[in-house]
Amino acid sequence: MADITTIGATARDRAGKGAARATRREGRIPAVIYGDHKEPVLISLDPREFDRVLRREGFFAKLLDVKLDGTSHRTLPRDVQFHPVNDKPLHVDFMRVGPKTRIHVGIPVHFINQDKSPGLKRGGILNVVRHEIELVVSADNIPEYLTVDLDGFDIGDSIHISQLQLPEGTASTIDRDFTIASVAPPTVVREEQAAAAATAATGTPAAAPAAGAAAAAPAKS
């Protein structure tokens, strides 16, 4: 069962930009609950309570029970509009979901066993291509995160979506075996390889400037 958080809400009686501005002047965040073939419900949120929920990892993949006048609406956050200057939430959209509703959600990726990766132990760098993966899931089976086990991965190895065990009933929205991460060579090693390739191309090693070159230059008369 997906992890479900509860948040309180208060009803709003009017829609429109003017009503939304009035709600914000009262120190609350205007929001709406829609979907599931029901009428939209206008609500407002306490900004401090909402901020605690918003800061959680994978916010848009977390089910929320919105409590309104004794009724609980099971929802999924779909959009948050932010102020362009102070980055405060201006409006929130929640979509109603049923237990079998199929939805697209971005699931965070967690990496484990870095200490068991031969490549990372030799100074390799974990190059993360995707920090989250979009899946098609049912609302009652949203995974909290996907786990990538780095045990045994060496420099030059890549981790693809086909190597992950996805939860039953879920599927990637991308129909190809895409890369999630790779173990890249250390920066120093890459620079040495580039220098070696340049030498092979020209046949002459790149010479560093001599320490006394400036002193050896002819003096001007």
Protein backbone atom coordinates (compact mmCIF):
# COMPACT_ATOMS: atom_id res chain seq x y z
CA MET A 1 0.00 0.00 0.00
CA ALA A 2 1.31 3.43 -0.91
CA ASP A 3 2.33 5.79 1.87
CA ILE A 4 -0.51 8.26 2.50
CA THR A 5 -0.19 11.66 4.19
CA THR A 6 -3.11 13.67 5.57
CA ILE A 7 -3.46 17.43 5.20
CA GLY A 8 -6.25 19.73 6.37
CA ALA A 9 -8.14 22.14 4.13
CA THR A 10 -10.83 24.83 4.32
CA ALA A 11 -13.55 25.34 1.73
CA ARG A 12 -13.51 28.39 -0.58
CA ASP A 13 -16.75 29.71 -2.00
CA ARG A 14 -15.50 31.57 -5.08
CA ALA A 15 -13.25 30.87 -8.05
CA GLY A 16 -11.24 33.34 -10.11
CA LYS A 17 -8.08 35.39 -9.78
CA GLY A 18 -9.64 37.95 -7.45
CA ALA A 19 -10.86 35.29 -5.05
CA ALA A 20 -7.47 33.56 -5.14
CA ARG A 21 -5.70 36.84 -4.32
CA ALA A 22 -8.10 37.41 -1.42
CA THR A 23 -7.28 33.92 -0.09
CA ARG A 24 -3.55 34.69 -0.26
CA ARG A 25 -4.09 38.01 1.57
CA GLU A 26 -5.65 35.96 4.36
CA GLY A 27 -2.39 34.04 4.61
CA ARG A 28 -3.61 30.82 2.98
CA ILE A 29 -2.90 29.01 -0.30
CA PRO A 30 -5.76 28.62 -2.79
CA ALA A 31 -6.12 25.11 -4.21
CA VAL A 32 -8.55 22.87 -6.09
CA ILE A 33 -9.50 19.19 -6.03
CA TYR A 34 -10.70 17.79 -9.36
CA GLY A 35 -11.17 14.56 -11.28
CA ASP A 36 -12.86 11.17 -10.78
CA HIS A 37 -15.91 12.43 -12.72
CA LYS A 38 -16.90 14.73 -9.83
CA GLU A 39 -17.31 18.47 -9.51
CA PRO A 40 -14.16 20.44 -8.62
CA VAL A 41 -13.89 21.49 -4.98
CA LEU A 42 -12.28 24.84 -4.14
CA ILE A 43 -10.16 24.76 -0.99
CA SER A 44 -7.43 26.67 0.82
CA LEU A 45 -4.40 25.31 2.69
CA ASP A 46 -2.34 26.37 5.68
CA PRO A 47 1.05 27.36 4.18
CA ARG A 48 3.12 25.90 7.03
CA GLU A 49 1.35 22.55 6.95
CA PHE A 50 1.57 22.40 3.17
CA ASP A 51 5.27 23.35 3.20
CA ARG A 52 6.08 20.33 5.39
CA VAL A 53 4.38 18.06 2.85
CA LEU A 54 5.86 19.82 -0.17
CA ARG A 55 9.43 19.35 1.10
CA ARG A 56 9.15 15.57 1.21
CA GLU A 57 11.04 13.63 -1.44
CA GLY A 58 8.85 12.57 -4.33
CA PHE A 59 6.05 15.02 -3.47
CA PHE A 60 4.24 14.51 -6.78
CA ALA A 61 4.26 10.73 -6.27
CA LYS A 62 2.76 10.82 -2.75
CA LEU A 63 -0.90 10.19 -2.09
CA LEU A 64 -2.56 12.85 0.07
CA ASP A 65 -5.80 12.56 2.02
CA VAL A 66 -7.21 16.10 1.99
CA LYS A 67 -9.53 16.51 4.99
CA LEU A 68 -12.37 18.94 4.32
CA ASP A 69 -15.39 19.39 6.61
CA GLY A 70 -15.19 15.85 7.90
CA THR A 71 -14.76 14.33 4.43
CA SER A 72 -11.52 12.82 3.16
CA HIS A 73 -10.55 13.23 -0.49
CA ARG A 74 -7.81 10.86 -1.65
CA THR A 75 -5.69 12.82 -4.10
CA LEU A 76 -2.38 13.08 -5.88
CA PRO A 77 -0.65 16.48 -6.22
CA ARG A 78 -0.49 17.43 -9.89
CA ASP A 79 0.72 21.02 -10.01
CA VAL A 80 2.07 23.77 -7.76
CA GLN A 81 2.39 27.33 -9.04
CA PHE A 82 5.15 29.36 -7.36
CA HIS A 83 5.74 33.09 -7.01
CA PRO A 84 8.53 34.06 -9.46
CA VAL A 85 10.39 36.15 -6.85
CA ASN A 86 9.92 34.66 -3.38
CA ASP A 87 9.17 31.08 -4.57
CA LYS A 88 6.13 30.77 -2.28
CA PRO A 89 3.28 28.50 -3.46
CA LEU A 90 0.52 30.47 -5.17
CA HIS A 91 -1.89 27.68 -6.12
CA VAL A 92 -2.08 23.89 -5.85
CA ASP A 93 -3.94 21.34 -7.99
CA PHE A 94 -4.95 17.98 -6.52
CA MET A 95 -6.38 15.13 -8.60
CA ARG A 96 -8.82 12.67 -7.02
CA VAL A 97 -7.78 9.05 -7.38
CA GLY A 98 -9.40 5.69 -6.74
CA PRO A 99 -7.49 2.56 -5.71
CA LYS A 100 -7.31 1.30 -9.31
CA THR A 101 -6.70 4.64 -11.02
CA ARG A 102 -3.73 4.34 -13.41
CA ILE A 103 -1.47 7.39 -13.26
CA HIS A 104 1.92 8.63 -14.45
CA VAL A 105 4.27 9.50 -11.58
CA GLY A 106 7.99 10.28 -11.26
CA ILE A 107 9.58 7.93 -8.73
CA PRO A 108 12.90 8.92 -7.05
CA VAL A 109 15.93 6.67 -7.56
CA HIS A 110 18.07 5.64 -4.59
CA PHE A 111 21.57 4.17 -4.97
CA ILE A 112 22.91 1.65 -2.46
CA ASN A 113 26.16 -0.29 -1.87
CA GLN A 114 28.50 2.38 -3.23
CA ASP A 115 31.19 0.81 -1.01
CA LYS A 116 30.79 -2.48 -2.89
CA SER A 117 31.35 -1.00 -6.34
CA PRO A 118 34.91 -1.81 -7.58
CA GLY A 119 34.78 1.18 -9.91
CA LEU A 120 33.82 3.68 -7.22
CA LYS A 121 36.41 2.24 -4.82
CA ARG A 122 39.06 2.86 -7.50
CA GLY A 123 38.07 6.52 -7.74
CA GLY A 124 35.38 6.26 -10.39
CA ILE A 125 32.53 8.74 -10.47
CA LEU A 126 28.84 7.81 -10.30
CA ASN A 127 27.26 9.63 -13.24
CA VAL A 128 23.50 9.77 -12.54
CA VAL A 129 21.51 10.22 -15.73
CA ARG A 130 18.05 9.97 -14.15
CA HIS A 131 17.34 10.98 -10.55
CA GLU A 132 13.74 9.85 -11.00
CA ILE A 133 11.93 7.54 -13.38
CA GLU A 134 8.41 8.08 -14.68
CA LEU A 135 6.22 5.01 -14.26
CA VAL A 136 2.64 4.07 -15.00
CA VAL A 137 1.22 2.72 -11.74
CA SER A 138 -2.06 2.16 -9.96
CA ALA A 139 -2.80 4.68 -7.23
CA ASP A 140 -2.71 2.04 -4.50
CA ASN A 141 0.68 0.71 -5.59
CA ILE A 142 2.96 3.74 -5.90
CA PRO A 143 6.51 2.79 -4.83
CA GLU A 144 8.24 5.20 -2.46
CA TYR A 145 11.44 4.94 -4.47
CA LEU A 146 13.36 2.64 -6.85
CA THR A 147 16.61 1.05 -5.68
CA VAL A 148 19.76 0.68 -7.76
CA ASP A 149 22.30 -1.73 -6.24
CA LEU A 150 25.84 -0.72 -7.26
CA ASP A 151 27.44 -3.92 -5.92
CA GLY A 152 29.91 -5.22 -8.53
CA PHE A 153 29.76 -2.30 -10.96
CA ASP A 154 33.15 -1.27 -12.34
CA ILE A 155 34.42 1.73 -14.30
CA GLY A 156 32.72 1.83 -17.69
CA ASP A 157 29.65 -0.10 -16.54
CA SER A 158 26.14 1.29 -17.03
CA ILE A 159 22.89 0.56 -15.22
CA HIS A 160 19.79 0.28 -17.41
CA ILE A 161 16.09 0.19 -16.59
CA SER A 162 15.96 -3.50 -17.54
CA GLN A 163 18.26 -4.26 -14.59
CA LEU A 164 15.75 -2.91 -12.04
CA GLN A 165 13.05 -4.99 -10.44
CA LEU A 166 9.97 -2.80 -10.89
CA PRO A 167 7.01 -3.31 -8.55
CA GLU A 168 4.32 -5.63 -9.87
CA GLY A 169 1.81 -3.90 -12.09
CA THR A 170 4.08 -0.95 -12.93
CA ALA A 171 5.81 -0.08 -16.18
CA SER A 172 8.15 2.59 -17.47
CA THR A 173 6.61 5.24 -19.70
CA ILE A 174 9.66 4.99 -22.00
CA ASP A 175 9.63 2.04 -24.39
CA ARG A 176 13.38 1.40 -24.54
CA ASP A 177 16.17 0.15 -22.28
CA PHE A 178 17.45 3.57 -21.20
CA THR A 179 20.45 4.30 -18.98
CA ILE A 180 19.87 5.31 -15.36
CA ALA A 181 23.50 5.80 -14.31
CA SER A 182 27.06 4.80 -15.15
CA VAL A 183 30.40 4.50 -13.38
CA ALA A 184 32.72 6.93 -15.16
CA PRO A 185 36.53 7.12 -14.95
CA PRO A 186 38.05 9.61 -12.50
CA THR A 187 38.76 13.08 -13.92
CA VAL A 188 42.52 12.53 -13.74
CA VAL A 189 42.26 9.27 -15.65
CA ARG A 190 40.16 10.92 -18.37
CA GLU A 191 42.71 13.73 -18.73
CA GLU A 192 45.54 11.20 -19.05
CA GLN A 193 43.59 9.30 -21.69
CA ALA A 194 42.98 12.52 -23.64
CA ALA A 195 46.70 13.38 -23.48
CA ALA A 196 47.62 9.89 -24.66
CA ALA A 197 45.19 10.18 -27.57
CA ALA A 198 46.67 13.56 -28.55
CA THR A 199 50.19 12.09 -28.46
CA ALA A 200 49.14 9.15 -30.63
CA ALA A 201 47.58 11.52 -33.15
CA THR A 202 50.59 13.87 -33.47
CA GLY A 203 53.41 11.51 -32.64
CA THR A 204 54.89 14.17 -30.34
CA PRO A 205 54.17 14.53 -26.64
CA ALA A 206 52.89 17.94 -25.62
CA ALA A 207 55.84 19.75 -24.05
CA ALA A 208 55.35 21.77 -20.89
CA PRO A 209 56.94 25.27 -20.86
CA ALA A 210 60.48 25.23 -19.43
CA ALA A 211 60.75 26.80 -16.01
CA GLY A 212 63.47 29.25 -17.08
CA ALA A 213 62.12 30.07 -20.51
CA ALA A 214 61.48 33.73 -19.76
CA ALA A 215 64.98 34.25 -18.37
CA ALA A 216 66.60 32.62 -21.41
CA ALA A 217 64.92 34.93 -23.89
CA PRO A 218 67.28 37.39 -25.68
CA ALA A 219 67.59 40.73 -23.94
CA LYS A 220 66.41 43.78 -25.87
CA SER A 221 69.16 46.33 -26.64
